[in-house]
């Protein structure tokens, strides 16, 4: 999965935690008051 976020992530482990939380919350998670949106690779490839 790819993560599209306006944030600069401080570490890979933090990014992983955001991804895990977002997947549990149907692909969208508010993290530090900003939305983190997950898009699977197949969708991203089709849009490119």
Protein backbone atom coordinates (compact mmCIF):
# COMPACT_ATOMS: atom_id res chain seq x y z
CA UNK A 1 0.00 0.00 0.00
CA UNK A 2 1.03 3.58 -0.57
CA UNK A 3 0.42 6.36 1.90
CA UNK A 4 -0.50 9.82 0.69
CA UNK A 5 -0.15 12.30 3.50
CA UNK A 6 0.68 15.98 4.00
CA UNK A 7 2.92 14.99 6.89
CA UNK A 8 6.59 14.32 7.09
CA UNK A 9 6.76 11.04 8.96
CA UNK A 10 9.43 10.99 11.63
CA UNK A 11 10.18 7.27 11.39
CA UNK A 12 9.26 4.08 9.55
CA UNK A 13 7.78 2.57 12.72
CA UNK A 14 5.53 5.61 13.12
CA UNK A 15 4.47 5.30 9.49
CA UNK A 16 3.71 1.61 10.03
CA UNK A 17 1.51 2.47 13.01
CA UNK A 18 -0.40 5.01 10.92
CA UNK A 19 -0.92 2.43 8.15
CA UNK A 20 -2.13 -0.21 10.62
CA UNK A 21 -4.55 2.22 12.24
CA UNK A 22 -5.84 3.44 8.89
CA UNK A 23 -6.44 -0.09 7.59
CA UNK A 24 -8.46 -0.84 10.72
CA UNK A 25 -10.48 2.31 10.09
CA UNK A 26 -11.56 1.48 6.52
CA UNK A 27 -8.58 3.11 4.82
CA UNK A 28 -8.84 6.62 6.23
CA UNK A 29 -7.41 7.73 9.54
CA UNK A 30 -7.07 11.17 11.04
CA UNK A 31 -3.55 11.46 12.34
CA UNK A 32 -2.40 14.67 14.00
CA UNK A 33 -5.71 16.19 12.78
CA UNK A 34 -4.87 15.50 9.13
CA UNK A 35 -6.30 12.71 6.96
CA UNK A 36 -4.06 9.85 5.90
CA UNK A 37 -5.51 8.13 2.86
CA UNK A 38 -4.45 4.67 1.75
CA UNK A 39 -4.80 3.57 -1.87
CA UNK A 40 -3.89 0.06 -2.98
CA UNK A 41 -1.30 -0.35 -5.74
CA UNK A 42 -3.78 -1.59 -8.34
CA UNK A 43 -5.93 1.52 -7.93
CA UNK A 44 -2.89 3.80 -8.06
CA UNK A 45 -1.60 2.12 -11.21
CA UNK A 46 -4.95 2.53 -12.95
CA UNK A 47 -5.05 6.22 -12.09
CA UNK A 48 -1.52 6.79 -13.35
